[in-house]
């Protein structure tokens, strides 16, 4: 009995030893695996570090890009505003210049028109005066002819009277001369009155 128990206890000890060796091996394996895991994690972290940094930079770069775009848009809008303002100023300056040029041309045209009107009025006044002179001369000629005819008739009558009367030749000639002088004075007065009438009539028609 004693020997059998001893064998059993020896077998049990042998069985327990391999289990202990397995248990002793397993911690080393676990330690090794933990070391490998830690090394792998470090490597992964090393590999992931630039990517994470790039991701962070990419996350921060969109904000900077948006700000840059906004600044570019603002600058573009401001430049376009200044360009439009400059173009508007140039247009206003061009319009003002055109207005000045048009005013100068209008002034020239007005001056030339006034000079033409003045010259035309002078021509009309000269034509009117010439017409008055022509009418006056025509009337004087007509009156002269009438007076000549009347004088001839009177001379004929005087000849008839002288042939049958008692007046001398000198008396008859002096009487004829007096009649001629009176007729000339009368004609001059009529011509003067007629010329004044024509002048007043032309002045009224002009206005």
N, C-alpha and C. Protein backbone atom coordinates (compact mmCIF):
# COMPACT_ATOMS: atom_id res chain seq x y z
N UNK A 1 0.83 -1.20 0.00
CA UNK A 1 0.00 0.00 0.00
C UNK A 1 0.86 1.25 0.00
N UNK A 2 1.89 1.13 0.76
CA UNK A 2 2.75 2.32 0.84
C UNK A 2 3.47 2.58 -0.46
N UNK A 3 3.88 1.53 -1.15
CA UNK A 3 4.57 1.71 -2.43
C UNK A 3 3.62 2.22 -3.50
N UNK A 4 2.39 1.79 -3.46
CA UNK A 4 1.39 2.27 -4.48
C UNK A 4 1.09 3.74 -4.31
N UNK A 5 1.00 4.13 -3.08
CA UNK A 5 0.73 5.58 -2.86
C UNK A 5 1.92 6.43 -3.31
N UNK A 6 3.06 5.85 -3.07
CA UNK A 6 4.25 6.62 -3.46
C UNK A 6 4.31 6.81 -4.95
N UNK A 7 3.94 5.79 -5.79
CA UNK A 7 3.94 5.88 -7.24
C UNK A 7 2.90 6.90 -7.72
N UNK A 8 1.77 6.81 -7.07
CA UNK A 8 0.72 7.77 -7.46
C UNK A 8 1.16 9.22 -7.24
N UNK A 9 1.76 9.41 -6.09
CA UNK A 9 2.22 10.78 -5.80
C UNK A 9 3.33 11.21 -6.76
N UNK A 10 4.17 10.27 -7.19
CA UNK A 10 5.25 10.59 -8.12
C UNK A 10 4.67 10.93 -9.49
N UNK A 11 3.67 10.17 -9.93
CA UNK A 11 3.03 10.43 -11.23
C UNK A 11 2.33 11.80 -11.21
N UNK A 12 1.69 12.02 -10.09
CA UNK A 12 1.02 13.34 -9.97
C UNK A 12 2.01 14.48 -10.03
N UNK A 13 3.17 14.26 -9.40
CA UNK A 13 4.20 15.31 -9.45
C UNK A 13 4.68 15.53 -10.89
N UNK A 14 4.88 14.44 -11.63
CA UNK A 14 5.30 14.56 -13.02
C UNK A 14 4.25 15.32 -13.87
N UNK A 15 2.99 14.96 -13.54
CA UNK A 15 1.92 15.65 -14.31
C UNK A 15 1.90 17.15 -14.00
N UNK A 16 2.12 17.42 -12.74
CA UNK A 16 2.09 18.84 -12.35
C UNK A 16 3.28 19.60 -12.90
N UNK A 17 4.41 19.02 -13.10
CA UNK A 17 5.60 19.71 -13.61
C UNK A 17 5.40 20.22 -15.04
N UNK A 18 4.91 19.32 -15.93
CA UNK A 18 4.68 19.87 -17.27
C UNK A 18 3.69 21.02 -17.29
N UNK A 19 2.67 20.92 -16.45
CA UNK A 19 1.69 22.03 -16.39
C UNK A 19 2.35 23.31 -15.93
N UNK A 20 3.27 23.14 -14.90
CA UNK A 20 3.98 24.32 -14.41
C UNK A 20 4.90 24.90 -15.49
N UNK A 21 5.56 23.98 -16.24
CA UNK A 21 6.43 24.46 -17.32
C UNK A 21 5.63 25.17 -18.39
N UNK A 22 4.44 24.64 -18.64
CA UNK A 22 3.55 25.30 -19.61
C UNK A 22 3.13 26.67 -19.11
N UNK A 23 2.79 26.68 -17.80
CA UNK A 23 2.40 27.97 -17.22
C UNK A 23 3.56 28.95 -17.22
N UNK A 24 4.78 28.42 -16.97
CA UNK A 24 5.94 29.29 -16.98
C UNK A 24 6.24 29.79 -18.39
N UNK A 25 6.00 28.93 -19.37
CA UNK A 25 6.21 29.33 -20.76
C UNK A 25 5.17 30.35 -21.22
N UNK A 26 3.96 30.12 -20.81
CA UNK A 26 2.88 31.01 -21.28
C UNK A 26 3.08 32.45 -20.85
N UNK A 27 3.57 32.72 -19.58
CA UNK A 27 3.81 34.13 -19.25
C UNK A 27 4.86 34.76 -20.13
N UNK A 28 5.91 34.00 -20.45
CA UNK A 28 6.93 34.57 -21.32
C UNK A 28 6.37 34.87 -22.69
N UNK A 29 5.52 33.93 -23.14
CA UNK A 29 4.87 34.17 -24.45
C UNK A 29 3.98 35.39 -24.38
N UNK A 30 3.25 35.48 -23.24
CA UNK A 30 2.37 36.65 -23.08
C UNK A 30 3.17 37.94 -23.01
N UNK A 31 4.31 37.89 -22.30
CA UNK A 31 5.15 39.08 -22.19
C UNK A 31 5.71 39.45 -23.55
N UNK A 32 6.13 38.40 -24.28
CA UNK A 32 6.67 38.66 -25.61
C UNK A 32 5.60 39.23 -26.53
N UNK A 33 4.42 38.62 -26.45
CA UNK A 33 3.33 39.12 -27.30
C UNK A 33 2.93 40.53 -26.91
N UNK A 34 2.99 40.80 -25.58
CA UNK A 34 2.66 42.17 -25.15
C UNK A 34 3.72 43.15 -25.63
N UNK A 35 4.99 42.69 -25.59
CA UNK A 35 6.05 43.55 -26.12
C UNK A 35 5.89 43.80 -27.61
N UNK A 36 5.54 42.68 -28.31
CA UNK A 36 5.32 42.84 -29.75
C UNK A 36 4.17 43.78 -30.03
N UNK A 37 3.11 43.62 -29.20
CA UNK A 37 1.95 44.51 -29.39
C UNK A 37 2.32 45.96 -29.16
N UNK A 38 3.12 46.16 -28.09
CA UNK A 38 3.52 47.54 -27.79
C UNK A 38 4.40 48.10 -28.89
N UNK A 39 5.33 47.25 -29.38
CA UNK A 39 6.17 47.70 -30.50
C UNK A 39 5.34 47.99 -31.74
N UNK A 40 4.39 47.09 -32.00
CA UNK A 40 3.50 47.30 -33.16
C UNK A 40 2.68 48.56 -33.01
N UNK A 41 2.22 48.77 -31.78
CA UNK A 41 1.45 50.01 -31.56
C UNK A 41 2.30 51.24 -31.78
N UNK A 42 3.56 51.13 -31.27
CA UNK A 42 4.44 52.27 -31.48
C UNK A 42 4.70 52.49 -32.96
N UNK A 43 4.93 51.32 -33.68
CA UNK A 43 5.14 51.46 -35.13
C UNK A 43 3.90 52.04 -35.81
N UNK A 44 2.75 51.53 -35.39
CA UNK A 44 1.50 52.05 -35.97
C UNK A 44 1.35 53.52 -35.68
N UNK A 45 1.70 53.87 -34.41
CA UNK A 45 1.63 55.28 -34.06
C UNK A 45 2.62 56.10 -34.86
N UNK A 46 3.85 55.48 -35.07
CA UNK A 46 4.83 56.19 -35.89
C UNK A 46 4.33 56.37 -37.31
N UNK A 47 3.71 55.25 -37.84
CA UNK A 47 3.17 55.35 -39.20
C UNK A 47 1.97 56.28 -39.26
N UNK A 48 1.17 56.24 -38.22
CA UNK A 48 -0.04 57.05 -38.22
C UNK A 48 0.22 58.50 -37.87
N UNK A 49 1.41 58.80 -37.29
CA UNK A 49 1.70 60.17 -36.86
C UNK A 49 1.64 61.19 -37.98
N UNK A 50 2.35 60.98 -39.10
CA UNK A 50 2.28 61.94 -40.21
C UNK A 50 0.89 62.05 -40.80
N UNK A 51 0.20 60.84 -40.87
CA UNK A 51 -1.14 60.89 -41.43
C UNK A 51 -2.08 61.70 -40.56
N UNK A 52 -1.94 61.48 -39.23
CA UNK A 52 -2.79 62.24 -38.31
C UNK A 52 -2.44 63.71 -38.39
N UNK A 53 -1.13 64.01 -38.48
CA UNK A 53 -0.70 65.41 -38.60
C UNK A 53 -1.23 66.01 -39.90
N UNK A 54 -1.15 65.21 -40.99
CA UNK A 54 -1.66 65.70 -42.26
C UNK A 54 -3.16 65.92 -42.19
N UNK A 55 -3.83 64.94 -41.46
CA UNK A 55 -5.28 65.12 -41.30
C UNK A 55 -5.59 66.37 -40.52
N UNK A 56 -4.79 66.60 -39.45
CA UNK A 56 -5.00 67.82 -38.66
C UNK A 56 -4.72 69.06 -39.47
N UNK A 57 -3.61 68.96 -40.24
CA UNK A 57 -3.31 70.12 -41.08
C UNK A 57 -4.37 70.31 -42.15
N UNK A 58 -4.88 69.16 -42.68
CA UNK A 58 -5.95 69.27 -43.67
C UNK A 58 -7.22 69.82 -43.06
N UNK A 59 -7.45 69.43 -41.78
CA UNK A 59 -8.61 70.00 -41.10
C UNK A 59 -8.43 71.48 -40.84
N UNK A 60 -7.17 71.92 -40.56
CA UNK A 60 -6.93 73.34 -40.32
C UNK A 60 -6.79 74.12 -41.62
N UNK A 61 -6.29 73.47 -42.73
CA UNK A 61 -6.11 74.17 -44.00
C UNK A 61 -7.41 74.59 -44.65
N UNK A 62 -8.52 73.89 -44.58
CA UNK A 62 -9.77 74.40 -45.17
C UNK A 62 -10.17 75.75 -44.61
N UNK A 63 -9.99 75.96 -43.33
CA UNK A 63 -10.31 77.27 -42.76
C UNK A 63 -9.45 78.37 -43.35
N UNK A 64 -8.15 78.06 -43.48
CA UNK A 64 -7.25 79.05 -44.08
C UNK A 64 -7.60 79.30 -45.54
N UNK A 65 -7.94 78.22 -46.28
CA UNK A 65 -8.32 78.38 -47.68
C UNK A 65 -9.59 79.21 -47.83
N UNK A 66 -10.56 78.98 -46.95
CA UNK A 66 -11.80 79.76 -46.99
C UNK A 66 -11.51 81.23 -46.74
N UNK A 67 -10.64 81.49 -45.76
CA UNK A 67 -10.28 82.89 -45.47
C UNK A 67 -9.56 83.53 -46.66
N UNK A 68 -8.65 82.73 -47.28
CA UNK A 68 -7.94 83.27 -48.44
C UNK A 68 -8.90 83.55 -49.60
N UNK A 69 -9.85 82.62 -49.81
CA UNK A 69 -10.83 82.85 -50.87
C UNK A 69 -11.69 84.08 -50.58
N UNK A 70 -12.10 84.19 -49.32
CA UNK A 70 -12.90 85.36 -48.95
C UNK A 70 -12.11 86.65 -49.16
N UNK A 71 -10.83 86.63 -48.74
CA UNK A 71 -10.00 87.82 -48.93
C UNK A 71 -9.82 88.14 -50.42
N UNK A 72 -9.63 87.07 -51.23
CA UNK A 72 -9.47 87.28 -52.67
C UNK A 72 -10.75 87.87 -53.27
N UNK A 73 -11.92 87.35 -52.83
CA UNK A 73 -13.19 87.88 -53.34
C UNK A 73 -13.38 89.34 -52.94
N UNK A 74 -13.02 89.64 -51.69
CA UNK A 74 -13.15 91.03 -51.22
C UNK A 74 -12.24 91.95 -52.03
N UNK A 75 -10.99 91.49 -52.24
CA UNK A 75 -10.06 92.30 -53.03
C UNK A 75 -10.57 92.49 -54.46
N UNK A 76 -11.11 91.40 -55.03
CA UNK A 76 -11.62 91.48 -56.39
C UNK A 76 -12.80 92.44 -56.47
N UNK A 77 -13.71 92.34 -55.48
CA UNK A 77 -14.86 93.25 -55.47
C UNK A 77 -14.42 94.69 -55.30
N UNK A 78 -13.44 94.92 -54.42
CA UNK A 78 -12.96 96.29 -54.20
C UNK A 78 -12.29 96.84 -55.45
N UNK A 79 -11.49 95.97 -56.12
CA UNK A 79 -10.84 96.42 -57.35
C UNK A 79 -11.86 96.73 -58.44
N UNK A 80 -12.87 95.86 -58.56
CA UNK A 80 -13.91 96.13 -59.56
C UNK A 80 -14.68 97.40 -59.23
N UNK A 81 -14.92 97.63 -57.93
CA UNK A 81 -15.60 98.87 -57.53
C UNK A 81 -14.76 100.09 -57.90
N UNK A 82 -13.45 100.01 -57.62
CA UNK A 82 -12.57 101.14 -57.96
C UNK A 82 -12.51 101.33 -59.48
N UNK A 83 -12.49 100.21 -60.21
CA UNK A 83 -12.44 100.31 -61.68
C UNK A 83 -13.73 100.95 -62.21
N UNK A 84 -14.89 100.52 -61.66
CA UNK A 84 -16.15 101.11 -62.08
C UNK A 84 -16.20 102.60 -61.75
N UNK A 85 -15.69 102.92 -60.57
CA UNK A 85 -15.67 104.33 -60.16
C UNK A 85 -14.79 105.15 -61.10
N UNK A 86 -13.62 104.59 -61.45
CA UNK A 86 -12.72 105.30 -62.37
C UNK A 86 -13.37 105.47 -63.75
N UNK A 87 -14.04 104.40 -64.22
CA UNK A 87 -14.72 104.49 -65.51
C UNK A 87 -15.83 105.53 -65.47
N UNK A 88 -16.57 105.55 -64.34
CA UNK A 88 -17.63 106.55 -64.20
C UNK A 88 -17.07 107.97 -64.21
N UNK A 89 -15.94 108.14 -63.53
CA UNK A 89 -15.31 109.46 -63.53
C UNK A 89 -14.87 109.86 -64.93
N UNK A 90 -14.29 108.89 -65.65
CA UNK A 90 -13.87 109.19 -67.02
C UNK A 90 -15.07 109.54 -67.90
N UNK A 91 -16.18 108.79 -67.71
CA UNK A 91 -17.38 109.10 -68.49
C UNK A 91 -17.91 110.49 -68.16
N UNK A 92 -17.95 110.80 -66.86
CA UNK A 92 -18.42 112.13 -66.46
C UNK A 92 -17.51 113.22 -67.03
N UNK A 93 -16.19 112.97 -66.98
CA UNK A 93 -15.26 113.96 -67.54
C UNK A 93 -15.47 114.11 -69.05
N UNK A 94 -15.68 112.97 -69.74
CA UNK A 94 -15.94 113.04 -71.18
C UNK A 94 -17.24 113.78 -71.49
N UNK A 95 -18.29 113.50 -70.67
CA UNK A 95 -19.55 114.21 -70.90
C UNK A 95 -19.40 115.71 -70.66
N UNK A 96 -18.67 116.05 -69.59
CA UNK A 96 -18.46 117.47 -69.29
C UNK A 96 -17.68 118.14 -70.42
N UNK A 97 -16.68 117.42 -70.94
CA UNK A 97 -15.90 117.96 -72.06
C UNK A 97 -16.77 118.14 -73.29
N UNK A 98 -17.64 117.14 -73.55
CA UNK A 98 -18.54 117.26 -74.70
C UNK A 98 -19.50 118.43 -74.53
N UNK A 99 -19.98 118.62 -73.27
CA UNK A 99 -20.89 119.74 -73.01
C UNK A 99 -20.18 121.06 -73.25
N UNK A 100 -18.91 121.15 -72.79
CA UNK A 100 -18.15 122.38 -73.03
C UNK A 100 -17.94 122.63 -74.52
N UNK A 101 -17.60 121.54 -75.23
CA UNK A 101 -17.39 121.68 -76.68
C UNK A 101 -18.68 122.10 -77.37
N UNK A 102 -19.81 121.46 -76.97
CA UNK A 102 -21.09 121.82 -77.56
C UNK A 102 -21.46 123.26 -77.24
N UNK A 103 -21.18 123.68 -75.98
CA UNK A 103 -21.46 125.07 -75.62
C UNK A 103 -20.63 126.04 -76.44
N UNK A 104 -19.35 125.68 -76.67
CA UNK A 104 -18.50 126.55 -77.49
C UNK A 104 -19.01 126.62 -78.92
N UNK A 105 -19.40 125.46 -79.47
CA UNK A 105 -19.93 125.45 -80.84
C UNK A 105 -21.25 126.21 -80.92
N UNK A 106 -22.10 126.04 -79.89
CA UNK A 106 -23.37 126.77 -79.89
C UNK A 106 -23.13 128.28 -79.81
N UNK A 107 -22.13 128.65 -78.99
CA UNK A 107 -21.79 130.07 -78.89
C UNK A 107 -21.31 130.60 -80.24
N UNK A 108 -20.45 129.81 -80.91
CA UNK A 108 -19.97 130.22 -82.24
C UNK A 108 -21.13 130.35 -83.22
N UNK A 109 -22.03 129.35 -83.19
CA UNK A 109 -23.18 129.38 -84.09
C UNK A 109 -24.07 130.58 -83.81
N UNK A 110 -24.27 130.88 -82.51
CA UNK A 110 -25.10 132.03 -82.15
C UNK A 110 -24.46 133.33 -82.62
N UNK A 111 -23.13 133.43 -82.43
CA UNK A 111 -22.43 134.65 -82.87
C UNK A 111 -22.51 134.82 -84.38
N UNK A 112 -22.28 133.71 -85.10
CA UNK A 112 -22.36 133.78 -86.57
C UNK A 112 -23.78 134.09 -87.03
N UNK A 113 -24.78 133.49 -86.34
CA UNK A 113 -26.17 133.77 -86.72
C UNK A 113 -26.52 135.23 -86.49
N UNK A 114 -26.07 135.76 -85.35
CA UNK A 114 -26.34 137.18 -85.07
C UNK A 114 -25.65 138.09 -86.09
N UNK A 115 -24.41 137.73 -86.46
CA UNK A 115 -23.72 138.54 -87.48
C UNK A 115 -24.43 138.46 -88.82
N UNK A 116 -24.92 137.24 -89.18
CA UNK A 116 -25.67 137.10 -90.42
C UNK A 116 -26.96 137.91 -90.38
N UNK A 117 -27.65 137.87 -89.24
CA UNK A 117 -28.88 138.65 -89.11
C UNK A 117 -28.61 140.15 -89.22
N UNK A 118 -27.51 140.58 -88.59
CA UNK A 118 -27.16 142.00 -88.66
C UNK A 118 -26.85 142.42 -90.10
N UNK A 119 -26.07 141.58 -90.77
CA UNK A 119 -25.75 141.90 -92.18
C UNK A 119 -27.00 141.86 -93.05
N UNK A 120 -27.89 140.88 -92.77
CA UNK A 120 -29.13 140.79 -93.54
C UNK A 120 -30.01 142.01 -93.31
N UNK A 121 -30.06 142.48 -92.06
CA UNK A 121 -30.82 143.70 -91.76
C UNK A 121 -30.23 144.91 -92.49
N UNK A 122 -28.90 144.96 -92.53
CA UNK A 122 -28.25 146.05 -93.26
C UNK A 122 -28.57 146.00 -94.74
N UNK A 123 -28.55 144.77 -95.29
CA UNK A 123 -28.87 144.62 -96.71
C UNK A 123 -30.31 145.02 -96.98
N UNK A 124 -31.22 144.59 -96.09
CA UNK A 124 -32.62 144.94 -96.27
C UNK A 124 -32.84 146.46 -96.18
N UNK A 125 -32.14 147.09 -95.23
CA UNK A 125 -32.28 148.55 -95.11
C UNK A 125 -31.73 149.25 -96.35
N UNK A 126 -30.62 148.74 -96.88
CA UNK A 126 -30.07 149.33 -98.11
C UNK A 126 -31.02 149.15 -99.29
N UNK A 127 -31.60 147.94 -99.37
CA UNK A 127 -32.55 147.68 -100.46
C UNK A 127 -33.77 148.59 -100.32
N UNK A 128 -34.24 148.76 -99.09
CA UNK A 128 -35.39 149.63 -98.86
C UNK A 128 -35.07 151.08 -99.24
N UNK A 129 -33.88 151.52 -98.83
CA UNK A 129 -33.49 152.90 -99.18
C UNK A 129 -33.36 153.08 -100.68
N UNK A 130 -32.82 152.04 -101.34
CA UNK A 130 -32.68 152.12 -102.80
C UNK A 130 -34.05 152.16 -103.47
N UNK A 131 -34.98 151.37 -102.97
CA UNK A 131 -36.32 151.38 -103.54
C UNK A 131 -36.98 152.75 -103.35
N UNK A 132 -36.78 153.31 -102.16
CA UNK A 132 -37.35 154.64 -101.90
C UNK A 132 -36.77 155.67 -102.86
N UNK A 133 -35.44 155.58 -103.05
CA UNK A 133 -34.80 156.52 -103.98
C UNK A 133 -35.32 156.35 -105.41
N UNK A 134 -35.48 155.06 -105.80
CA UNK A 134 -35.98 154.81 -107.15
C UNK A 134 -37.40 155.32 -107.32
N UNK A 135 -38.23 155.08 -106.29
CA UNK A 135 -39.61 155.56 -106.38
C UNK A 135 -39.64 157.08 -106.42
N UNK A 136 -38.80 157.69 -105.58
CA UNK A 136 -38.76 159.16 -105.55
C UNK A 136 -38.28 159.72 -106.88
N UNK A 137 -37.23 159.10 -107.43
CA UNK A 137 -36.73 159.55 -108.73
C UNK A 137 -37.78 159.38 -109.82
N UNK A 138 -38.49 158.24 -109.78
CA UNK A 138 -39.54 158.03 -110.77
C UNK A 138 -40.64 159.05 -110.67
N UNK A 139 -41.03 159.35 -109.43
CA UNK A 139 -42.08 160.34 -109.24
C UNK A 139 -41.61 161.73 -109.69
N UNK A 140 -40.34 162.05 -109.38
CA UNK A 140 -39.80 163.34 -109.81
C UNK A 140 -39.76 163.45 -111.33
N UNK A 141 -39.35 162.36 -111.98
CA UNK A 141 -39.32 162.38 -113.45
C UNK A 141 -40.73 162.57 -114.02
N UNK A 142 -41.67 161.82 -113.39
CA UNK A 142 -43.03 161.94 -113.86
C UNK A 142 -43.56 163.37 -113.67
N UNK A 143 -43.25 163.93 -112.51
CA UNK A 143 -43.69 165.29 -112.25
C UNK A 143 -43.01 166.30 -113.20
N UNK A 144 -41.74 166.02 -113.49
CA UNK A 144 -41.02 166.89 -114.42
C UNK A 144 -41.67 166.87 -115.80
N UNK A 145 -42.02 165.66 -116.22
CA UNK A 145 -42.67 165.54 -117.52
C UNK A 145 -44.02 166.25 -117.51
N UNK A 146 -44.76 166.06 -116.42
CA UNK A 146 -46.05 166.73 -116.32
C UNK A 146 -45.88 168.24 -116.31
N UNK A 147 -44.87 168.69 -115.56
CA UNK A 147 -44.61 170.13 -115.53
C UNK A 147 -44.18 170.66 -116.89
N UNK A 148 -43.38 169.86 -117.58
CA UNK A 148 -42.95 170.27 -118.92
C UNK A 148 -44.14 170.40 -119.86
N UNK A 149 -45.03 169.43 -119.75
CA UNK A 149 -46.22 169.47 -120.59
C UNK A 149 -47.10 170.67 -120.23
N UNK A 150 -47.22 170.88 -118.90
CA UNK A 150 -48.03 172.03 -118.48
C UNK A 150 -47.39 173.35 -118.92
N UNK A 151 -46.06 173.39 -118.81
CA UNK A 151 -45.34 174.60 -119.22
C UNK A 151 -45.51 174.87 -120.71
N UNK A 152 -45.42 173.82 -121.48
CA UNK A 152 -45.60 173.99 -122.92
C UNK A 152 -47.02 174.48 -123.24
N UNK A 153 -47.97 173.90 -122.48
CA UNK A 153 -49.35 174.35 -122.71
C UNK A 153 -49.54 175.81 -122.32
N UNK A 154 -48.93 176.16 -121.21
CA UNK A 154 -49.05 177.55 -120.77
C UNK A 154 -48.33 178.51 -121.72
N UNK A 155 -47.18 178.09 -122.21
CA UNK A 155 -46.46 178.91 -123.18
C UNK A 155 -47.30 179.13 -124.45
N UNK A 156 -47.97 178.03 -124.80
CA UNK A 156 -48.83 178.17 -125.97
C UNK A 156 -49.96 179.16 -125.70
N UNK A 157 -50.50 179.08 -124.49
CA UNK A 157 -51.56 180.01 -124.14
C UNK A 157 -51.03 181.44 -124.06
N UNK A 158 -49.81 181.57 -123.48
CA UNK A 158 -49.22 182.91 -123.38
C UNK A 158 -48.92 183.50 -124.76
N UNK A 159 -48.46 182.65 -125.63
CA UNK A 159 -48.21 183.13 -127.00
C UNK A 159 -49.50 183.64 -127.64
N UNK A 160 -50.54 182.87 -127.37
CA UNK A 160 -51.82 183.29 -127.93
C UNK A 160 -52.26 184.61 -127.31
N UNK A 161 -52.08 184.70 -125.95
CA UNK A 161 -52.46 185.93 -125.27
C UNK A 161 -51.57 187.11 -125.71
N UNK A 162 -50.27 186.83 -125.85
CA UNK A 162 -49.34 187.91 -126.21
C UNK A 162 -49.63 188.43 -127.62
N UNK A 163 -49.98 187.49 -128.45
CA UNK A 163 -50.32 187.92 -129.81
C UNK A 163 -51.58 188.81 -129.82
N UNK A 164 -52.46 188.56 -128.88
CA UNK A 164 -53.70 189.34 -128.87
C UNK A 164 -53.75 190.37 -127.76
N UNK A 165 -52.67 190.45 -126.86
CA UNK A 165 -52.71 191.35 -125.71
C UNK A 165 -51.75 192.52 -125.84
N UNK A 166 -51.69 193.29 -124.71
CA UNK A 166 -50.87 194.49 -124.70
C UNK A 166 -49.60 194.35 -123.86
N UNK A 167 -49.28 193.11 -123.28
CA UNK A 167 -48.11 192.91 -122.41
C UNK A 167 -46.86 192.77 -123.27
N UNK A 168 -45.77 193.24 -122.65
CA UNK A 168 -44.49 193.13 -123.35
C UNK A 168 -43.89 191.74 -123.15
N UNK A 169 -42.84 191.49 -123.89
CA UNK A 169 -42.15 190.17 -123.82
C UNK A 169 -41.49 189.97 -122.47
N UNK A 170 -40.92 190.97 -121.88
CA UNK A 170 -40.26 190.85 -120.58
C UNK A 170 -41.26 190.52 -119.47
N UNK A 171 -42.39 191.13 -119.50
CA UNK A 171 -43.42 190.85 -118.49
C UNK A 171 -43.90 189.40 -118.60
N UNK A 172 -44.07 188.98 -119.80
CA UNK A 172 -44.52 187.59 -120.00
C UNK A 172 -43.46 186.60 -119.51
N UNK A 173 -42.17 186.85 -119.77
CA UNK A 173 -41.09 185.94 -119.34
C UNK A 173 -40.94 185.94 -117.82
N UNK A 174 -41.05 187.10 -117.19
CA UNK A 174 -40.97 187.14 -115.73
C UNK A 174 -42.12 186.38 -115.08
N UNK A 175 -43.30 186.50 -115.65
CA UNK A 175 -44.44 185.76 -115.10
C UNK A 175 -44.26 184.26 -115.27
N UNK A 176 -43.72 183.86 -116.40
CA UNK A 176 -43.46 182.42 -116.64
C UNK A 176 -42.40 181.90 -115.67
N UNK A 177 -41.36 182.69 -115.43
CA UNK A 177 -40.30 182.28 -114.50
C UNK A 177 -40.84 182.12 -113.07
N UNK A 178 -41.70 183.04 -112.67
CA UNK A 178 -42.30 182.93 -111.34
C UNK A 178 -43.14 181.66 -111.22
N UNK A 179 -43.87 181.35 -112.25
CA UNK A 179 -44.69 180.14 -112.23
C UNK A 179 -43.81 178.88 -112.15
N UNK A 180 -42.70 178.90 -112.87
CA UNK A 180 -41.79 177.74 -112.84
C UNK A 180 -41.16 177.57 -111.45
N UNK A 181 -40.73 178.68 -110.86
CA UNK A 181 -40.15 178.58 -109.51
C UNK A 181 -41.17 178.07 -108.50
N UNK A 182 -42.38 178.53 -108.60
CA UNK A 182 -43.42 178.06 -107.69
C UNK A 182 -43.70 176.57 -107.90
N UNK A 183 -43.69 176.15 -109.16
CA UNK A 183 -43.93 174.72 -109.45
C UNK A 183 -42.79 173.85 -108.91
N UNK A 184 -41.54 174.34 -109.03
CA UNK A 184 -40.39 173.57 -108.52
C UNK A 184 -40.45 173.45 -107.01
N UNK A 185 -40.80 174.55 -106.33
CA UNK A 185 -40.92 174.50 -104.88
C UNK A 185 -42.03 173.53 -104.44
N UNK A 186 -43.12 173.57 -105.17
CA UNK A 186 -44.22 172.68 -104.84
C UNK A 186 -43.82 171.21 -105.03
N UNK A 187 -43.09 170.91 -106.08
CA UNK A 187 -42.65 169.54 -106.35
C UNK A 187 -41.66 169.06 -105.29
N UNK A 188 -40.77 169.92 -104.87
CA UNK A 188 -39.81 169.54 -103.83
C UNK A 188 -40.52 169.23 -102.51
N UNK A 189 -41.50 170.06 -102.18
CA UNK A 189 -42.25 169.81 -100.94
C UNK A 189 -43.01 168.49 -101.02
N UNK A 190 -43.59 168.19 -102.15
CA UNK A 190 -44.33 166.94 -102.32
C UNK A 190 -43.38 165.73 -102.26
N UNK A 191 -42.21 165.85 -102.87
CA UNK A 191 -41.24 164.74 -102.84
C UNK A 191 -40.73 164.49 -101.42
N UNK A 192 -40.49 165.55 -100.69
CA UNK A 192 -40.02 165.41 -99.30
C UNK A 192 -41.08 164.73 -98.43
N UNK A 193 -42.33 165.17 -98.60
CA UNK A 193 -43.42 164.56 -97.83
C UNK A 193 -43.61 163.09 -98.22
N UNK A 194 -43.49 162.79 -99.50
CA UNK A 194 -43.66 161.40 -99.95
C UNK A 194 -42.54 160.50 -99.42
N UNK A 195 -41.31 161.01 -99.43
CA UNK A 195 -40.19 160.20 -98.92
C UNK A 195 -40.35 159.90 -97.43
N UNK A 196 -40.84 160.86 -96.66
CA UNK A 196 -41.08 160.62 -95.24
C UNK A 196 -42.21 159.62 -95.03
N UNK A 197 -43.22 159.67 -95.85
CA UNK A 197 -44.31 158.70 -95.74
C UNK A 197 -43.82 157.29 -96.03
N UNK A 198 -43.01 157.12 -97.05
CA UNK A 198 -42.49 155.80 -97.41
C UNK A 198 -41.57 155.27 -96.32
N UNK A 199 -40.74 156.14 -95.73
CA UNK A 199 -39.83 155.72 -94.66
C UNK A 199 -40.61 155.25 -93.44
N UNK A 200 -41.62 156.00 -93.06
CA UNK A 200 -42.44 155.60 -91.91
C UNK A 200 -43.19 154.31 -92.19
N UNK A 201 -43.67 154.12 -93.40
CA UNK A 201 -44.39 152.90 -93.75
C UNK A 201 -43.46 151.69 -93.72
N UNK A 202 -42.25 151.84 -94.22
CA UNK A 202 -41.27 150.74 -94.19
C UNK A 202 -40.85 150.41 -92.78
N UNK A 203 -40.69 151.40 -91.93
CA UNK A 203 -40.31 151.17 -90.53
C UNK A 203 -41.40 150.40 -89.79
N UNK A 204 -42.67 150.75 -90.06
CA UNK A 204 -43.79 150.04 -89.41
C UNK A 204 -43.85 148.61 -89.89
N UNK A 205 -43.66 148.36 -91.20
CA UNK A 205 -43.68 147.00 -91.71
C UNK A 205 -42.54 146.17 -91.18
N UNK A 206 -41.40 146.81 -90.94
CA UNK A 206 -40.25 146.07 -90.40
C UNK A 206 -40.55 145.54 -89.01
N UNK A 207 -41.25 146.30 -88.18
CA UNK A 207 -41.60 145.84 -86.84
C UNK A 207 -42.89 145.05 -86.86
